[in-house]
Amino acid sequence: MFESMSHNSIGKSDVVAFKLADQDFCIDIGLVREIRGWSPTTVLPHAPHYVKGVINLRGSVVTVVDLSARLGFGATEPSQRHVVIIAMHERRIVGLLADLVSDIVTVEDEHIQAVPDLASDPAREYITAMITFEDGRILRKIDLALLLPSPEEGAA
């Protein structure tokens, strides 16, 4: 039902929480390799609208995806306060542009809920779970497999 999460003990898992357009999201901490400050990208011609460009990460060329644009919140005008979350998914390294990383959270399984069927969130198709907190906050868990284009799409 849910994308697998890195479990740190029975019934618990860890996620990296971040903000986009004043909204709270997260991804499985097991996918995150590092968090970097924003640095300018090299633009790729004919790239999808949500691809900011590429960066040189210790000799590897890494695509940077503007999460806000990809999720339908509008393009980000990055500044020094923005971050790039370097994640690995299916042996591909990708940079995820976010407003800020807010926390690393340990989540108990009972706080993970299904996404409502009638959710009108523009990011709905990329979200696999809702994580609720006692203070009323909700994190939307992003599935990178759904968010990122397949290698064949990226080559087009």
C-alpha atoms as a PDB file:
ATOM      1  CA  MET A   1       0.000   0.000   0.000  1.00  0.00           C
ATOM      2  CA  PHE A   2       2.780   2.454   0.898  1.00  0.00           C
ATOM      3  CA  GLU A   3       6.226   2.932  -0.624  1.00  0.00           C
ATOM      4  CA  SER A   4       8.720   1.106   1.559  1.00  0.00           C
ATOM      5  CA  MET A   5      10.310   3.170   4.305  1.00  0.00           C
ATOM      6  CA  SER A   6      13.608   2.744   6.140  1.00  0.00           C
ATOM      7  CA  HIS A   7      12.687   1.183   9.443  1.00  0.00           C
ATOM      8  CA  ASN A   8      14.912   2.028  12.385  1.00  0.00           C
ATOM      9  CA  SER A   9      13.093  -0.353  14.750  1.00  0.00           C
ATOM     10  CA  ILE A  10       9.880  -2.332  14.751  1.00  0.00           C
ATOM     11  CA  GLY A  11       6.953  -0.084  13.891  1.00  0.00           C
ATOM     12  CA  LYS A  12       9.039   3.033  13.257  1.00  0.00           C
ATOM     13  CA  SER A  13      10.711   4.640  10.245  1.00  0.00           C
ATOM     14  CA  ASP A  14      12.677   7.801   9.503  1.00  0.00           C
ATOM     15  CA  VAL A  15      11.882  10.498   6.937  1.00  0.00           C
ATOM     16  CA  VAL A  16      13.458  13.799   5.902  1.00  0.00           C
ATOM     17  CA  ALA A  17      10.842  16.569   6.159  1.00  0.00           C
ATOM     18  CA  PHE A  18      11.056  19.642   3.936  1.00  0.00           C
ATOM     19  CA  LYS A  19       8.990  22.615   2.829  1.00  0.00           C
ATOM     20  CA  LEU A  20       7.781  23.605  -0.622  1.00  0.00           C
ATOM     21  CA  ALA A  21       5.483  26.575  -1.166  1.00  0.00           C
ATOM     22  CA  ASP A  22       4.700  26.668   2.589  1.00  0.00           C
ATOM     23  CA  GLN A  23       3.603  23.016   2.468  1.00  0.00           C
ATOM     24  CA  ASP A  24       5.144  20.077   4.364  1.00  0.00           C
ATOM     25  CA  PHE A  25       6.473  17.039   2.501  1.00  0.00           C
ATOM     26  CA  CYS A  26       8.895  14.207   3.198  1.00  0.00           C
ATOM     27  CA  ILE A  27      10.817  11.354   1.626  1.00  0.00           C
ATOM     28  CA  ASP A  28      12.293   8.196   3.111  1.00  0.00           C
ATOM     29  CA  ILE A  29      15.642   8.980   4.756  1.00  0.00           C
ATOM     30  CA  GLY A  30      17.116   5.886   3.112  1.00  0.00           C
ATOM     31  CA  LEU A  31      16.941   7.689  -0.248  1.00  0.00           C
ATOM     32  CA  VAL A  32      18.822  10.794   0.931  1.00  0.00           C
ATOM     33  CA  ARG A  33      22.569  10.931   0.357  1.00  0.00           C
ATOM     34  CA  GLU A  34      23.219  14.524   1.403  1.00  0.00           C
ATOM     35  CA  ILE A  35      21.682  17.977   1.709  1.00  0.00           C
ATOM     36  CA  ARG A  36      23.454  20.877   0.000  1.00  0.00           C
ATOM     37  CA  GLY A  37      22.947  24.587  -0.256  1.00  0.00           C
ATOM     38  CA  TRP A  38      21.712  25.959  -3.568  1.00  0.00           C
ATOM     39  CA  SER A  39      24.269  26.531  -6.290  1.00  0.00           C
ATOM     40  CA  PRO A  40      23.505  27.620  -9.855  1.00  0.00           C
ATOM     41  CA  THR A  41      22.777  24.880 -12.381  1.00  0.00           C
ATOM     42  CA  THR A  42      23.723  24.444 -16.008  1.00  0.00           C
ATOM     43  CA  VAL A  43      20.527  24.611 -18.043  1.00  0.00           C
ATOM     44  CA  LEU A  44      19.702  21.738 -20.380  1.00  0.00           C
ATOM     45  CA  PRO A  45      17.928  22.605 -23.629  1.00  0.00           C
ATOM     46  CA  HIS A  46      14.589  20.849 -24.183  1.00  0.00           C
ATOM     47  CA  ALA A  47      14.476  19.570 -20.588  1.00  0.00           C
ATOM     48  CA  PRO A  48      11.052  19.237 -18.923  1.00  0.00           C
ATOM     49  CA  HIS A  49       9.801  22.469 -17.291  1.00  0.00           C
ATOM     50  CA  TYR A  50      10.514  21.119 -13.787  1.00  0.00           C
ATOM     51  CA  VAL A  51      14.218  20.404 -14.448  1.00  0.00           C
ATOM     52  CA  LYS A  52      16.327  23.353 -13.241  1.00  0.00           C
ATOM     53  CA  GLY A  53      19.440  21.948 -14.903  1.00  0.00           C
ATOM     54  CA  VAL A  54      22.440  19.927 -13.806  1.00  0.00           C
ATOM     55  CA  ILE A  55      25.210  20.323 -11.243  1.00  0.00           C
ATOM     56  CA  ASN A  56      28.659  18.793 -10.898  1.00  0.00           C
ATOM     57  CA  LEU A  57      28.657  16.685  -7.741  1.00  0.00           C
ATOM     58  CA  ARG A  58      32.225  15.526  -7.151  1.00  0.00           C
ATOM     59  CA  GLY A  59      32.693  14.671 -10.825  1.00  0.00           C
ATOM     60  CA  SER A  60      29.183  13.305 -11.476  1.00  0.00           C
ATOM     61  CA  VAL A  61      26.573  15.217 -13.453  1.00  0.00           C
ATOM     62  CA  VAL A  62      23.357  15.336 -11.386  1.00  0.00           C
ATOM     63  CA  THR A  63      19.963  16.543 -12.615  1.00  0.00           C
ATOM     64  CA  VAL A  64      18.230  19.038 -10.287  1.00  0.00           C
ATOM     65  CA  VAL A  65      14.421  18.790 -10.201  1.00  0.00           C
ATOM     66  CA  ASP A  66      12.406  21.806  -9.033  1.00  0.00           C
ATOM     67  CA  LEU A  67       9.978  19.999  -6.710  1.00  0.00           C
ATOM     68  CA  SER A  68       7.646  22.983  -6.524  1.00  0.00           C
ATOM     69  CA  ALA A  69       7.247  23.073 -10.322  1.00  0.00           C
ATOM     70  CA  ARG A  70       6.961  19.285 -10.567  1.00  0.00           C
ATOM     71  CA  LEU A  71       4.220  19.186  -7.927  1.00  0.00           C
ATOM     72  CA  GLY A  72       2.205  21.977  -9.543  1.00  0.00           C
ATOM     73  CA  PHE A  73       2.961  24.841  -7.139  1.00  0.00           C
ATOM     74  CA  GLY A  74       4.856  26.952  -9.681  1.00  0.00           C
ATOM     75  CA  ALA A  75       8.538  27.357 -10.508  1.00  0.00           C
ATOM     76  CA  THR A  76      11.022  28.228  -7.779  1.00  0.00           C
ATOM     77  CA  GLU A  77      13.311  31.223  -8.095  1.00  0.00           C
ATOM     78  CA  PRO A  78      16.166  29.735  -6.079  1.00  0.00           C
ATOM     79  CA  SER A  79      18.225  31.795  -3.665  1.00  0.00           C
ATOM     80  CA  GLN A  80      20.932  31.070  -1.115  1.00  0.00           C
ATOM     81  CA  ARG A  81      18.245  29.984   1.377  1.00  0.00           C
ATOM     82  CA  HIS A  82      17.108  27.066  -0.822  1.00  0.00           C
ATOM     83  CA  VAL A  83      18.508  23.545  -0.532  1.00  0.00           C
ATOM     84  CA  VAL A  84      19.137  20.647  -2.850  1.00  0.00           C
ATOM     85  CA  ILE A  85      18.403  17.229  -1.399  1.00  0.00           C
ATOM     86  CA  ILE A  86      20.661  14.706  -3.126  1.00  0.00           C
ATOM     87  CA  ALA A  87      18.733  11.452  -3.351  1.00  0.00           C
ATOM     88  CA  MET A  88      19.356   8.086  -4.945  1.00  0.00           C
ATOM     89  CA  HIS A  89      16.524   6.178  -6.549  1.00  0.00           C
ATOM     90  CA  GLU A  90      17.006   2.997  -8.559  1.00  0.00           C
ATOM     91  CA  ARG A  91      20.750   3.656  -8.899  1.00  0.00           C
ATOM     92  CA  ARG A  92      20.108   7.181 -10.234  1.00  0.00           C
ATOM     93  CA  ILE A  93      21.260  10.228  -8.305  1.00  0.00           C
ATOM     94  CA  VAL A  94      19.011  13.281  -8.494  1.00  0.00           C
ATOM     95  CA  GLY A  95      18.936  16.676  -6.794  1.00  0.00           C
ATOM     96  CA  LEU A  96      15.595  17.827  -5.382  1.00  0.00           C
ATOM     97  CA  LEU A  97      15.254  21.611  -5.036  1.00  0.00           C
ATOM     98  CA  ALA A  98      13.307  22.515  -1.881  1.00  0.00           C
ATOM     99  CA  ASP A  99      12.687  25.685   0.138  1.00  0.00           C
ATOM    100  CA  LEU A 100      14.274  24.185   3.248  1.00  0.00           C
ATOM    101  CA  VAL A 101      14.777  20.941   5.123  1.00  0.00           C
ATOM    102  CA  SER A 102      12.858  21.256   8.361  1.00  0.00           C
ATOM    103  CA  ASP A 103      13.593  18.050  10.243  1.00  0.00           C
ATOM    104  CA  ILE A 104      14.471  14.380  10.322  1.00  0.00           C
ATOM    105  CA  VAL A 105      11.449  12.666  11.834  1.00  0.00           C
ATOM    106  CA  THR A 106      10.957   9.221  13.327  1.00  0.00           C
ATOM    107  CA  VAL A 107       7.466   8.109  12.387  1.00  0.00           C
ATOM    108  CA  GLU A 108       5.457   5.418  14.122  1.00  0.00           C
ATOM    109  CA  ASP A 109       3.567   3.194  11.680  1.00  0.00           C
ATOM    110  CA  GLU A 110       0.190   4.044  13.251  1.00  0.00           C
ATOM    111  CA  HIS A 111       0.672   7.673  12.165  1.00  0.00           C
ATOM    112  CA  ILE A 112       0.966   6.713   8.483  1.00  0.00           C
ATOM    113  CA  GLN A 113      -2.362   6.963   6.684  1.00  0.00           C
ATOM    114  CA  ALA A 114      -3.654   6.574   3.148  1.00  0.00           C
ATOM    115  CA  VAL A 115      -4.106   9.616   0.948  1.00  0.00           C
ATOM    116  CA  PRO A 116      -7.806  10.552   0.749  1.00  0.00           C
ATOM    117  CA  ASP A 117      -9.365   9.554  -2.585  1.00  0.00           C
ATOM    118  CA  LEU A 118     -10.887  12.993  -3.079  1.00  0.00           C
ATOM    119  CA  ALA A 119      -7.735  14.949  -2.301  1.00  0.00           C
ATOM    120  CA  SER A 120      -7.449  17.934  -4.640  1.00  0.00           C
ATOM    121  CA  ASP A 121      -3.800  18.598  -3.851  1.00  0.00           C
ATOM    122  CA  PRO A 122      -1.944  19.265  -7.136  1.00  0.00           C
ATOM    123  CA  ALA A 123       0.764  16.891  -5.923  1.00  0.00           C
ATOM    124  CA  ARG A 124      -1.709  14.047  -5.259  1.00  0.00           C
ATOM    125  CA  GLU A 125      -0.437  11.711  -7.972  1.00  0.00           C
ATOM    126  CA  TYR A 126       3.070  11.674  -6.435  1.00  0.00           C
ATOM    127  CA  ILE A 127       2.036  11.162  -2.804  1.00  0.00           C
ATOM    128  CA  THR A 128       1.841   7.692  -1.283  1.00  0.00           C
ATOM    129  CA  ALA A 129       0.978   8.444   2.340  1.00  0.00           C
ATOM    130  CA  MET A 130      -0.034  11.085   4.859  1.00  0.00           C
ATOM    131  CA  ILE A 131       1.864  11.206   8.144  1.00  0.00           C
ATOM    132  CA  THR A 132      -0.101  12.769  10.969  1.00  0.00           C
ATOM    133  CA  PHE A 133       1.160  14.333  14.191  1.00  0.00           C
ATOM    134  CA  GLU A 134      -0.589  15.046  17.481  1.00  0.00           C
ATOM    135  CA  ASP A 135      -0.125  18.805  16.965  1.00  0.00           C
ATOM    136  CA  GLY A 136      -2.283  18.572  13.804  1.00  0.00           C
ATOM    137  CA  ARG A 137       0.581  18.821  11.323  1.00  0.00           C
ATOM    138  CA  ILE A 138       0.507  16.518   8.288  1.00  0.00           C
ATOM    139  CA  LEU A 139       3.469  15.496   6.148  1.00  0.00           C
ATOM    140  CA  ARG A 140       2.802  14.295   2.620  1.00  0.00           C
ATOM    141  CA  LYS A 141       5.174  11.460   1.678  1.00  0.00           C
ATOM    142  CA  ILE A 142       6.489  11.692  -1.874  1.00  0.00           C
ATOM    143  CA  ASP A 143       7.205   8.579  -3.936  1.00  0.00           C
ATOM    144  CA  LEU A 144      10.293   9.282  -6.049  1.00  0.00           C
ATOM    145  CA  ALA A 145       9.400   6.444  -8.448  1.00  0.00           C
ATOM    146  CA  LEU A 146       6.248   8.361  -9.412  1.00  0.00           C
ATOM    147  CA  LEU A 147       7.857  11.810  -9.284  1.00  0.00           C
ATOM    148  CA  LEU A 148      10.879  11.198 -11.461  1.00  0.00           C
ATOM    149  CA  PRO A 149      10.673  10.444 -15.158  1.00  0.00           C
ATOM    150  CA  SER A 150      11.843   7.011 -16.211  1.00  0.00           C
ATOM    151  CA  PRO A 151      15.322   6.948 -17.810  1.00  0.00           C
ATOM    152  CA  GLU A 152      13.623   6.506 -21.205  1.00  0.00           C
ATOM    153  CA  GLU A 153      11.484   9.648 -20.667  1.00  0.00           C
ATOM    154  CA  GLY A 154      14.497  11.623 -19.473  1.00  0.00           C
ATOM    155  CA  ALA A 155      16.395  10.739 -22.642  1.00  0.00           C
ATOM    156  CA  ALA A 156      13.581  11.983 -24.887  1.00  0.00           C
END
